[in-house]
Structure formats: C-alpha cells, structure tokens
All heavy atoms as atom14 arrays in JSON, in Angstrom:
{
  "sequence": "EDLKYVRALDANGNAWGTPLILDSEGKVGTSCSLAVIRGCPAIAY",
  "atom14_mask": [
    [1, 1, 1, 1, 1, 1, 1, 1, 1, 0, 0, 0, 0, 0],
    [1, 1, 1, 1, 1, 1, 1, 1, 0, 0, 0, 0, 0, 0],
    [1, 1, 1, 1, 1, 1, 1, 1, 0, 0, 0, 0, 0, 0],
    [1, 1, 1, 1, 1, 1, 1, 1, 1, 0, 0, 0, 0, 0],
    [1, 1, 1, 1, 1, 1, 1, 1, 1, 1, 1, 1, 0, 0],
    [1, 1, 1, 1, 1, 1, 1, 0, 0, 0, 0, 0, 0, 0],
    [1, 1, 1, 1, 1, 1, 1, 1, 1, 1, 1, 0, 0, 0],
    [1, 1, 1, 1, 1, 0, 0, 0, 0, 0, 0, 0, 0, 0],
    [1, 1, 1, 1, 1, 1, 1, 1, 0, 0, 0, 0, 0, 0],
    [1, 1, 1, 1, 1, 1, 1, 1, 0, 0, 0, 0, 0, 0],
    [1, 1, 1, 1, 1, 0, 0, 0, 0, 0, 0, 0, 0, 0],
    [1, 1, 1, 1, 1, 1, 1, 1, 0, 0, 0, 0, 0, 0],
    [1, 1, 1, 1, 0, 0, 0, 0, 0, 0, 0, 0, 0, 0],
    [1, 1, 1, 1, 1, 1, 1, 1, 0, 0, 0, 0, 0, 0],
    [1, 1, 1, 1, 1, 0, 0, 0, 0, 0, 0, 0, 0, 0],
    [1, 1, 1, 1, 1, 1, 1, 1, 1, 1, 1, 1, 1, 1],
    [1, 1, 1, 1, 0, 0, 0, 0, 0, 0, 0, 0, 0, 0],
    [1, 1, 1, 1, 1, 1, 1, 0, 0, 0, 0, 0, 0, 0],
    [1, 1, 1, 1, 1, 1, 1, 0, 0, 0, 0, 0, 0, 0],
    [1, 1, 1, 1, 1, 1, 1, 1, 0, 0, 0, 0, 0, 0],
    [1, 1, 1, 1, 1, 1, 1, 1, 0, 0, 0, 0, 0, 0],
    [1, 1, 1, 1, 1, 1, 1, 1, 0, 0, 0, 0, 0, 0],
    [1, 1, 1, 1, 1, 1, 1, 1, 0, 0, 0, 0, 0, 0],
    [1, 1, 1, 1, 1, 1, 0, 0, 0, 0, 0, 0, 0, 0],
    [1, 1, 1, 1, 1, 1, 1, 1, 1, 0, 0, 0, 0, 0],
    [1, 1, 1, 1, 0, 0, 0, 0, 0, 0, 0, 0, 0, 0],
    [1, 1, 1, 1, 1, 1, 1, 1, 1, 0, 0, 0, 0, 0],
    [1, 1, 1, 1, 1, 1, 1, 0, 0, 0, 0, 0, 0, 0],
    [1, 1, 1, 1, 0, 0, 0, 0, 0, 0, 0, 0, 0, 0],
    [1, 1, 1, 1, 1, 1, 1, 0, 0, 0, 0, 0, 0, 0],
    [1, 1, 1, 1, 1, 1, 0, 0, 0, 0, 0, 0, 0, 0],
    [1, 1, 1, 1, 1, 1, 0, 0, 0, 0, 0, 0, 0, 0],
    [1, 1, 1, 1, 1, 1, 0, 0, 0, 0, 0, 0, 0, 0],
    [1, 1, 1, 1, 1, 1, 1, 1, 0, 0, 0, 0, 0, 0],
    [1, 1, 1, 1, 1, 0, 0, 0, 0, 0, 0, 0, 0, 0],
    [1, 1, 1, 1, 1, 1, 1, 0, 0, 0, 0, 0, 0, 0],
    [1, 1, 1, 1, 1, 1, 1, 1, 0, 0, 0, 0, 0, 0],
    [1, 1, 1, 1, 1, 1, 1, 1, 1, 1, 1, 0, 0, 0],
    [1, 1, 1, 1, 0, 0, 0, 0, 0, 0, 0, 0, 0, 0],
    [1, 1, 1, 1, 1, 1, 0, 0, 0, 0, 0, 0, 0, 0],
    [1, 1, 1, 1, 1, 1, 1, 0, 0, 0, 0, 0, 0, 0],
    [1, 1, 1, 1, 1, 0, 0, 0, 0, 0, 0, 0, 0, 0],
    [1, 1, 1, 1, 1, 1, 1, 1, 0, 0, 0, 0, 0, 0],
    [1, 1, 1, 1, 1, 0, 0, 0, 0, 0, 0, 0, 0, 0],
    [1, 1, 1, 1, 1, 1, 1, 1, 1, 1, 1, 1, 0, 0]
  ],
  "atom14_positions": [
    [[38.13, -47.73, -87.16], [37.83, -49.14, -86.92], [36.31, -49.34, -86.84], [35.84, -50.16, -85.97], [38.49, -49.6, -85.64], [40.0, -49.3, -85.61], [40.84, -50.3, -86.37], [40.26, -51.22, -86.92], [42.08, -50.22, -86.23], [0.0, 0.0, 0.0], [0.0, 0.0, 0.0], [0.0, 0.0, 0.0], [0.0, 0.0, 0.0], [0.0, 0.0, 0.0]],
    [[35.51, -48.77, -87.72], [34.04, -48.91, -87.68], [33.55, -49.78, -88.86], [34.27, -49.88, -89.88], [33.37, -47.53, -87.82], [33.64, -46.63, -86.65], [34.0, -47.13, -85.58], [33.54, -45.38, -86.78], [0.0, 0.0, 0.0], [0.0, 0.0, 0.0], [0.0, 0.0, 0.0], [0.0, 0.0, 0.0], [0.0, 0.0, 0.0], [0.0, 0.0, 0.0]],
    [[32.41, -50.37, -88.68], [31.66, -51.04, -89.74], [30.71, -50.06, -90.38], [29.89, -49.47, -89.67], [30.95, -52.28, -89.22], [30.09, -52.94, -90.27], [30.92, -53.71, -91.33], [29.12, -53.96, -89.54], [0.0, 0.0, 0.0], [0.0, 0.0, 0.0], [0.0, 0.0, 0.0], [0.0, 0.0, 0.0], [0.0, 0.0, 0.0], [0.0, 0.0, 0.0]],
    [[30.72, -49.93, -91.67], [29.89, -48.96, -92.37], [29.08, -49.67, -93.5], [29.49, -50.73, -93.96], [30.67, -47.84, -93.01], [31.15, -46.81, -91.98], [31.76, -45.61, -92.68], [32.08, -44.5, -91.74], [32.65, -43.3, -92.46], [0.0, 0.0, 0.0], [0.0, 0.0, 0.0], [0.0, 0.0, 0.0], [0.0, 0.0, 0.0], [0.0, 0.0, 0.0]],
    [[27.99, -49.03, -93.83], [27.1, -49.58, -94.94], [26.67, -48.35, -95.77], [26.31, -47.28, -95.24], [25.92, -50.28, -94.35], [24.76, -50.57, -95.31], [24.8, -51.77, -96.03], [23.67, -49.73, -95.46], [23.73, -52.05, -96.88], [22.62, -50.04, -96.27], [22.67, -51.19, -96.98], [21.6, -51.46, -97.83], [0.0, 0.0, 0.0], [0.0, 0.0, 0.0]],
    [[26.63, -48.59, -97.12], [26.14, -47.5, -97.96], [25.41, -48.15, -99.16], [25.8, -49.24, -99.63], [27.31, -46.59, -98.52], [28.31, -47.36, -99.36], [26.79, -45.37, -99.21], [0.0, 0.0, 0.0], [0.0, 0.0, 0.0], [0.0, 0.0, 0.0], [0.0, 0.0, 0.0], [0.0, 0.0, 0.0], [0.0, 0.0, 0.0], [0.0, 0.0, 0.0]],
    [[24.33, -47.54, -99.58], [23.46, -48.08, -100.65], [23.23, -47.01, -101.7], [23.0, -45.83, -101.44], [22.13, -48.57, -100.09], [21.16, -49.13, -101.1], [19.91, -49.7, -100.45], [18.9, -50.1, -101.43], [17.96, -49.27, -102.01], [17.91, -48.03, -101.57], [17.09, -49.77, -102.85], [0.0, 0.0, 0.0], [0.0, 0.0, 0.0], [0.0, 0.0, 0.0]],
    [[23.26, -47.51, -102.96], [23.0, -46.59, -104.1], [21.57, -46.11, -104.13], [20.64, -46.77, -103.6], [23.38, -47.29, -105.44], [0.0, 0.0, 0.0], [0.0, 0.0, 0.0], [0.0, 0.0, 0.0], [0.0, 0.0, 0.0], [0.0, 0.0, 0.0], [0.0, 0.0, 0.0], [0.0, 0.0, 0.0], [0.0, 0.0, 0.0], [0.0, 0.0, 0.0]],
    [[21.29, -44.95, -104.73], [19.98, -44.42, -104.88], [19.31, -44.78, -106.15], [18.13, -44.47, -106.42], [20.07, -42.85, -104.78], [20.72, -42.3, -103.53], [20.85, -40.8, -103.61], [19.99, -42.75, -102.27], [0.0, 0.0, 0.0], [0.0, 0.0, 0.0], [0.0, 0.0, 0.0], [0.0, 0.0, 0.0], [0.0, 0.0, 0.0], [0.0, 0.0, 0.0]],
    [[20.03, -45.57, -107.02], [19.45, -46.03, -108.26], [20.03, -47.36, -108.62], [20.98, -47.84, -107.97], [19.79, -45.05, -109.45], [21.28, -44.84, -109.62], [21.91, -45.66, -110.34], [21.82, -43.91, -108.99], [0.0, 0.0, 0.0], [0.0, 0.0, 0.0], [0.0, 0.0, 0.0], [0.0, 0.0, 0.0], [0.0, 0.0, 0.0], [0.0, 0.0, 0.0]],
    [[19.42, -48.04, -109.57], [19.78, -49.43, -109.9], [21.16, -49.67, -110.42], [21.69, -50.71, -110.32], [18.68, -50.06, -110.85], [0.0, 0.0, 0.0], [0.0, 0.0, 0.0], [0.0, 0.0, 0.0], [0.0, 0.0, 0.0], [0.0, 0.0, 0.0], [0.0, 0.0, 0.0], [0.0, 0.0, 0.0], [0.0, 0.0, 0.0], [0.0, 0.0, 0.0]],
    [[21.73, -48.62, -111.05], [23.05, -48.79, -111.67], [24.16, -48.32, -110.74], [25.34, -48.69, -110.93], [23.14, -47.92, -112.96], [22.35, -48.48, -114.05], [21.96, -49.7, -114.07], [22.0, -47.69, -115.05], [0.0, 0.0, 0.0], [0.0, 0.0, 0.0], [0.0, 0.0, 0.0], [0.0, 0.0, 0.0], [0.0, 0.0, 0.0], [0.0, 0.0, 0.0]],
    [[23.82, -47.61, -109.7], [24.88, -47.1, -108.83], [25.52, -45.8, -109.25], [26.65, -45.55, -108.96], [0.0, 0.0, 0.0], [0.0, 0.0, 0.0], [0.0, 0.0, 0.0], [0.0, 0.0, 0.0], [0.0, 0.0, 0.0], [0.0, 0.0, 0.0], [0.0, 0.0, 0.0], [0.0, 0.0, 0.0], [0.0, 0.0, 0.0], [0.0, 0.0, 0.0]],
    [[24.72, -44.95, -109.94], [25.23, -43.63, -110.43], [25.27, -42.63, -109.27], [26.13, -41.75, -109.19], [24.36, -43.1, -111.53], [24.47, -43.99, -112.75], [25.5, -44.51, -113.16], [23.32, -44.15, -113.41], [0.0, 0.0, 0.0], [0.0, 0.0, 0.0], [0.0, 0.0, 0.0], [0.0, 0.0, 0.0], [0.0, 0.0, 0.0], [0.0, 0.0, 0.0]],
    [[24.37, -42.76, -108.32], [24.33, -41.84, -107.14], [24.14, -42.72, -105.9], [23.46, -43.72, -105.95], [23.13, -40.86, -107.28], [0.0, 0.0, 0.0], [0.0, 0.0, 0.0], [0.0, 0.0, 0.0], [0.0, 0.0, 0.0], [0.0, 0.0, 0.0], [0.0, 0.0, 0.0], [0.0, 0.0, 0.0], [0.0, 0.0, 0.0], [0.0, 0.0, 0.0]],
    [[24.8, -42.25, -104.79], [24.77, -43.06, -103.57], [24.29, -42.18, -102.41], [24.43, -40.97, -102.35], [26.23, -43.54, -103.34], [26.57, -44.63, -104.32], [26.93, -44.46, -105.63], [26.63, -46.03, -104.07], [27.2, -45.61, -106.18], [27.06, -46.61, -105.3], [26.41, -46.84, -102.98], [27.21, -47.99, -105.38], [26.62, -48.22, -103.07], [26.99, -48.78, -104.26]],
    [[23.74, -42.94, -101.39], [23.34, -42.31, -100.14], [24.53, -42.02, -99.23], [25.7, -42.23, -99.58], [0.0, 0.0, 0.0], [0.0, 0.0, 0.0], [0.0, 0.0, 0.0], [0.0, 0.0, 0.0], [0.0, 0.0, 0.0], [0.0, 0.0, 0.0], [0.0, 0.0, 0.0], [0.0, 0.0, 0.0], [0.0, 0.0, 0.0], [0.0, 0.0, 0.0]],
    [[24.23, -41.55, -98.07], [25.24, -41.25, -97.05], [25.62, -42.55, -96.26], [24.76, -43.27, -95.9], [24.71, -40.24, -96.04], [24.38, -39.04, -96.77], [25.83, -39.92, -95.0], [0.0, 0.0, 0.0], [0.0, 0.0, 0.0], [0.0, 0.0, 0.0], [0.0, 0.0, 0.0], [0.0, 0.0, 0.0], [0.0, 0.0, 0.0], [0.0, 0.0, 0.0]],
    [[26.87, -42.81, -96.14], [27.3, -44.01, -95.43], [26.84, -44.02, -93.96], [26.81, -42.97, -93.32], [28.81, -43.95, -95.44], [29.21, -43.14, -96.67], [28.07, -42.13, -96.75], [0.0, 0.0, 0.0], [0.0, 0.0, 0.0], [0.0, 0.0, 0.0], [0.0, 0.0, 0.0], [0.0, 0.0, 0.0], [0.0, 0.0, 0.0], [0.0, 0.0, 0.0]],
    [[26.36, -45.17, -93.5], [25.89, -45.32, -92.1], [26.95, -46.11, -91.32], [27.5, -47.11, -91.78], [24.58, -46.08, -92.05], [23.42, -45.5, -92.88], [22.24, -46.44, -92.78], [23.05, -44.16, -92.41], [0.0, 0.0, 0.0], [0.0, 0.0, 0.0], [0.0, 0.0, 0.0], [0.0, 0.0, 0.0], [0.0, 0.0, 0.0], [0.0, 0.0, 0.0]],
    [[27.19, -45.65, -90.06], [28.03, -46.44, -89.15], [27.11, -47.46, -88.4], [26.16, -47.06, -87.72], [28.73, -45.52, -88.1], [29.66, -44.53, -88.81], [29.46, -46.37, -87.11], [30.3, -43.56, -87.93], [0.0, 0.0, 0.0], [0.0, 0.0, 0.0], [0.0, 0.0, 0.0], [0.0, 0.0, 0.0], [0.0, 0.0, 0.0], [0.0, 0.0, 0.0]],
    [[27.37, -48.74, -88.59], [26.51, -49.8, -87.99], [27.06, -50.28, -86.65], [26.32, -50.74, -85.81], [26.34, -50.89, -89.01], [25.8, -50.56, -90.33], [25.58, -51.87, -91.11], [24.57, -49.74, -90.28], [0.0, 0.0, 0.0], [0.0, 0.0, 0.0], [0.0, 0.0, 0.0], [0.0, 0.0, 0.0], [0.0, 0.0, 0.0], [0.0, 0.0, 0.0]],
    [[28.39, -50.25, -86.52], [29.0, -50.73, -85.28], [30.33, -49.97, -85.09], [31.17, -49.92, -86.05], [29.3, -52.24, -85.37], [29.64, -52.84, -84.03], [29.92, -52.05, -83.07], [29.75, -54.09, -83.92], [0.0, 0.0, 0.0], [0.0, 0.0, 0.0], [0.0, 0.0, 0.0], [0.0, 0.0, 0.0], [0.0, 0.0, 0.0], [0.0, 0.0, 0.0]],
    [[30.51, -49.4, -83.91], [31.77, -48.66, -83.62], [32.29, -49.14, -82.26], [33.11, -48.4, -81.68], [31.51, -47.15, -83.57], [30.51, -46.84, -82.65], [0.0, 0.0, 0.0], [0.0, 0.0, 0.0], [0.0, 0.0, 0.0], [0.0, 0.0, 0.0], [0.0, 0.0, 0.0], [0.0, 0.0, 0.0], [0.0, 0.0, 0.0], [0.0, 0.0, 0.0]],
    [[31.84, -50.29, -81.78], [32.22, -50.83, -80.48], [33.56, -51.57, -80.65], [33.58, -52.72, -81.14], [31.13, -51.8, -79.91], [31.4, -52.2, -78.46], [31.26, -51.05, -77.51], [30.48, -50.11, -77.76], [31.91, -51.08, -76.45], [0.0, 0.0, 0.0], [0.0, 0.0, 0.0], [0.0, 0.0, 0.0], [0.0, 0.0, 0.0], [0.0, 0.0, 0.0]],
    [[34.66, -51.04, -80.17], [35.97, -51.66, -80.36], [36.43, -51.52, -81.85], [36.09, -50.58, -82.53], [0.0, 0.0, 0.0], [0.0, 0.0, 0.0], [0.0, 0.0, 0.0], [0.0, 0.0, 0.0], [0.0, 0.0, 0.0], [0.0, 0.0, 0.0], [0.0, 0.0, 0.0], [0.0, 0.0, 0.0], [0.0, 0.0, 0.0], [0.0, 0.0, 0.0]],
    [[37.15, -52.54, -82.26], [37.73, -52.6, -83.65], [36.82, -53.6, -84.38], [36.94, -54.85, -84.14], [39.17, -53.0, -83.58], [40.07, -51.98, -82.85], [41.51, -52.49, -82.81], [42.32, -51.52, -82.11], [43.8, -51.87, -82.09], [0.0, 0.0, 0.0], [0.0, 0.0, 0.0], [0.0, 0.0, 0.0], [0.0, 0.0, 0.0], [0.0, 0.0, 0.0]],
    [[36.05, -53.02, -85.3], [35.07, -53.99, -85.97], [35.12, -53.79, -87.46], [35.68, -52.77, -87.97], [33.66, -53.69, -85.45], [33.49, -54.1, -84.05], [33.28, -52.19, -85.68], [0.0, 0.0, 0.0], [0.0, 0.0, 0.0], [0.0, 0.0, 0.0], [0.0, 0.0, 0.0], [0.0, 0.0, 0.0], [0.0, 0.0, 0.0], [0.0, 0.0, 0.0]],
    [[34.54, -54.7, -88.21], [34.36, -54.58, -89.66], [35.22, -55.46, -90.55], [34.94, -55.6, -91.69], [0.0, 0.0, 0.0], [0.0, 0.0, 0.0], [0.0, 0.0, 0.0], [0.0, 0.0, 0.0], [0.0, 0.0, 0.0], [0.0, 0.0, 0.0], [0.0, 0.0, 0.0], [0.0, 0.0, 0.0], [0.0, 0.0, 0.0], [0.0, 0.0, 0.0]],
    [[36.25, -56.04, -89.93], [37.08, -56.93, -90.74], [36.34, -58.14, -91.18], [35.38, -58.62, -90.52], [38.32, -57.41, -89.87], [39.08, -56.25, -89.49], [39.19, -58.33, -90.64], [0.0, 0.0, 0.0], [0.0, 0.0, 0.0], [0.0, 0.0, 0.0], [0.0, 0.0, 0.0], [0.0, 0.0, 0.0], [0.0, 0.0, 0.0], [0.0, 0.0, 0.0]],
    [[36.65, -58.68, -92.4], [36.03, -59.9, -92.89], [34.51, -59.73, -93.11], [33.77, -60.71, -92.98], [36.26, -61.12, -91.95], [37.67, -61.3, -91.82], [0.0, 0.0, 0.0], [0.0, 0.0, 0.0], [0.0, 0.0, 0.0], [0.0, 0.0, 0.0], [0.0, 0.0, 0.0], [0.0, 0.0, 0.0], [0.0, 0.0, 0.0], [0.0, 0.0, 0.0]],
    [[34.04, -58.56, -93.42], [32.6, -58.31, -93.53], [32.0, -59.01, -94.75], [32.65, -59.13, -95.8], [32.28, -56.86, -93.54], [33.1, -55.86, -94.81], [0.0, 0.0, 0.0], [0.0, 0.0, 0.0], [0.0, 0.0, 0.0], [0.0, 0.0, 0.0], [0.0, 0.0, 0.0], [0.0, 0.0, 0.0], [0.0, 0.0, 0.0], [0.0, 0.0, 0.0]],
    [[30.8, -59.57, -94.65], [30.08, -60.28, -95.69], [28.68, -59.8, -95.71], [27.91, -59.94, -94.69], [30.19, -61.83, -95.46], [29.42, -62.47, -96.44], [0.0, 0.0, 0.0], [0.0, 0.0, 0.0], [0.0, 0.0, 0.0], [0.0, 0.0, 0.0], [0.0, 0.0, 0.0], [0.0, 0.0, 0.0], [0.0, 0.0, 0.0], [0.0, 0.0, 0.0]],
    [[28.22, -59.22, -96.78], [26.91, -58.62, -96.9], [25.99, -59.59, -97.68], [26.37, -60.1, -98.69], [26.98, -57.33, -97.68], [25.7, -56.58, -98.03], [24.84, -56.19, -96.77], [25.96, -55.38, -98.9], [0.0, 0.0, 0.0], [0.0, 0.0, 0.0], [0.0, 0.0, 0.0], [0.0, 0.0, 0.0], [0.0, 0.0, 0.0], [0.0, 0.0, 0.0]],
    [[24.74, -59.74, -97.18], [23.74, -60.61, -97.88], [22.37, -60.11, -97.53], [22.2, -59.35, -96.55], [23.94, -62.07, -97.46], [0.0, 0.0, 0.0], [0.0, 0.0, 0.0], [0.0, 0.0, 0.0], [0.0, 0.0, 0.0], [0.0, 0.0, 0.0], [0.0, 0.0, 0.0], [0.0, 0.0, 0.0], [0.0, 0.0, 0.0], [0.0, 0.0, 0.0]],
    [[21.42, -60.43, -98.36], [20.01, -60.13, -98.05], [19.41, -61.36, -97.35], [19.33, -62.45, -97.92], [19.24, -59.77, -99.33], [17.78, -59.54, -99.06], [19.83, -58.52, -99.97], [0.0, 0.0, 0.0], [0.0, 0.0, 0.0], [0.0, 0.0, 0.0], [0.0, 0.0, 0.0], [0.0, 0.0, 0.0], [0.0, 0.0, 0.0], [0.0, 0.0, 0.0]],
    [[18.92, -61.17, -96.2], [18.36, -62.19, -95.39], [16.88, -61.9, -94.99], [16.57, -60.79, -94.44], [19.13, -62.46, -94.05], [20.63, -62.62, -94.28], [18.54, -63.59, -93.28], [21.02, -63.85, -95.08], [0.0, 0.0, 0.0], [0.0, 0.0, 0.0], [0.0, 0.0, 0.0], [0.0, 0.0, 0.0], [0.0, 0.0, 0.0], [0.0, 0.0, 0.0]],
    [[15.97, -62.72, -95.41], [14.55, -62.46, -95.18], [14.03, -61.05, -95.7], [13.36, -60.46, -95.05], [14.26, -62.67, -93.7], [14.44, -64.06, -93.19], [14.32, -64.1, -91.68], [14.54, -65.47, -91.19], [14.78, -65.78, -89.89], [14.8, -64.82, -88.99], [14.93, -67.04, -89.52], [0.0, 0.0, 0.0], [0.0, 0.0, 0.0], [0.0, 0.0, 0.0]],
    [[14.67, -60.64, -96.81], [14.25, -59.43, -97.48], [14.98, -58.2, -96.98], [14.72, -57.08, -97.5], [0.0, 0.0, 0.0], [0.0, 0.0, 0.0], [0.0, 0.0, 0.0], [0.0, 0.0, 0.0], [0.0, 0.0, 0.0], [0.0, 0.0, 0.0], [0.0, 0.0, 0.0], [0.0, 0.0, 0.0], [0.0, 0.0, 0.0], [0.0, 0.0, 0.0]],
    [[15.86, -58.3, -95.97], [16.57, -57.14, -95.44], [18.08, -57.43, -95.45], [18.52, -58.52, -95.26], [16.11, -56.88, -94.01], [14.43, -56.44, -93.83], [0.0, 0.0, 0.0], [0.0, 0.0, 0.0], [0.0, 0.0, 0.0], [0.0, 0.0, 0.0], [0.0, 0.0, 0.0], [0.0, 0.0, 0.0], [0.0, 0.0, 0.0], [0.0, 0.0, 0.0]],
    [[18.88, -56.42, -95.72], [20.31, -56.6, -95.79], [20.88, -56.94, -94.37], [20.36, -56.47, -93.32], [20.89, -55.18, -96.21], [19.8, -54.23, -95.81], [18.49, -54.93, -96.0], [0.0, 0.0, 0.0], [0.0, 0.0, 0.0], [0.0, 0.0, 0.0], [0.0, 0.0, 0.0], [0.0, 0.0, 0.0], [0.0, 0.0, 0.0], [0.0, 0.0, 0.0]],
    [[21.87, -57.81, -94.31], [22.55, -58.18, -93.08], [24.01, -58.38, -93.33], [24.42, -58.59, -94.5], [21.9, -59.53, -92.59], [0.0, 0.0, 0.0], [0.0, 0.0, 0.0], [0.0, 0.0, 0.0], [0.0, 0.0, 0.0], [0.0, 0.0, 0.0], [0.0, 0.0, 0.0], [0.0, 0.0, 0.0], [0.0, 0.0, 0.0], [0.0, 0.0, 0.0]],
    [[24.76, -58.26, -92.27], [26.21, -58.37, -92.38], [26.79, -59.24, -91.25], [26.45, -59.09, -90.11], [26.86, -56.96, -92.28], [26.3, -55.99, -93.35], [28.35, -56.98, -92.42], [26.61, -54.57, -93.11], [0.0, 0.0, 0.0], [0.0, 0.0, 0.0], [0.0, 0.0, 0.0], [0.0, 0.0, 0.0], [0.0, 0.0, 0.0], [0.0, 0.0, 0.0]],
    [[27.64, -60.08, -91.63], [28.49, -60.89, -90.73], [29.93, -60.25, -90.79], [30.4, -59.89, -91.84], [28.55, -62.34, -91.07], [0.0, 0.0, 0.0], [0.0, 0.0, 0.0], [0.0, 0.0, 0.0], [0.0, 0.0, 0.0], [0.0, 0.0, 0.0], [0.0, 0.0, 0.0], [0.0, 0.0, 0.0], [0.0, 0.0, 0.0], [0.0, 0.0, 0.0]],
    [[30.59, -60.2, -89.64], [31.88, -59.51, -89.61], [32.65, -59.83, -88.33], [32.09, -60.41, -87.41], [31.72, -57.97, -89.76], [30.87, -57.37, -88.61], [31.49, -56.68, -87.53], [29.48, -57.47, -88.65], [30.7, -56.14, -86.55], [28.71, -56.9, -87.66], [29.37, -56.24, -86.63], [28.61, -55.67, -85.63], [0.0, 0.0, 0.0], [0.0, 0.0, 0.0]]
  ]
}
C-alpha cells in the first residue's frame, strides 16, 4: 500500500532507475497523477 516513483535513465526508456518509496503512511497511492510542476515532478494521490 505504498506510493512509488521510478524514472528512466534515458530518453526512450530502455533502462530504468531503482523505484523510490515516496509515501508509506497508511494505505496510499490510489488515483495517483504525475505532473511536472515548476520544473520538478510532483504527484497528487
């Protein structure tokens, strides 16, 4: 029941980094929406 984020290491997505756990407080991550806000990734969930 965690929210996770992972980003590719190249522009096509041939190789990927290690997934990060961003939130593990309770049951989280449903309805997640990823966007770039002010130049940095952000997630609503």
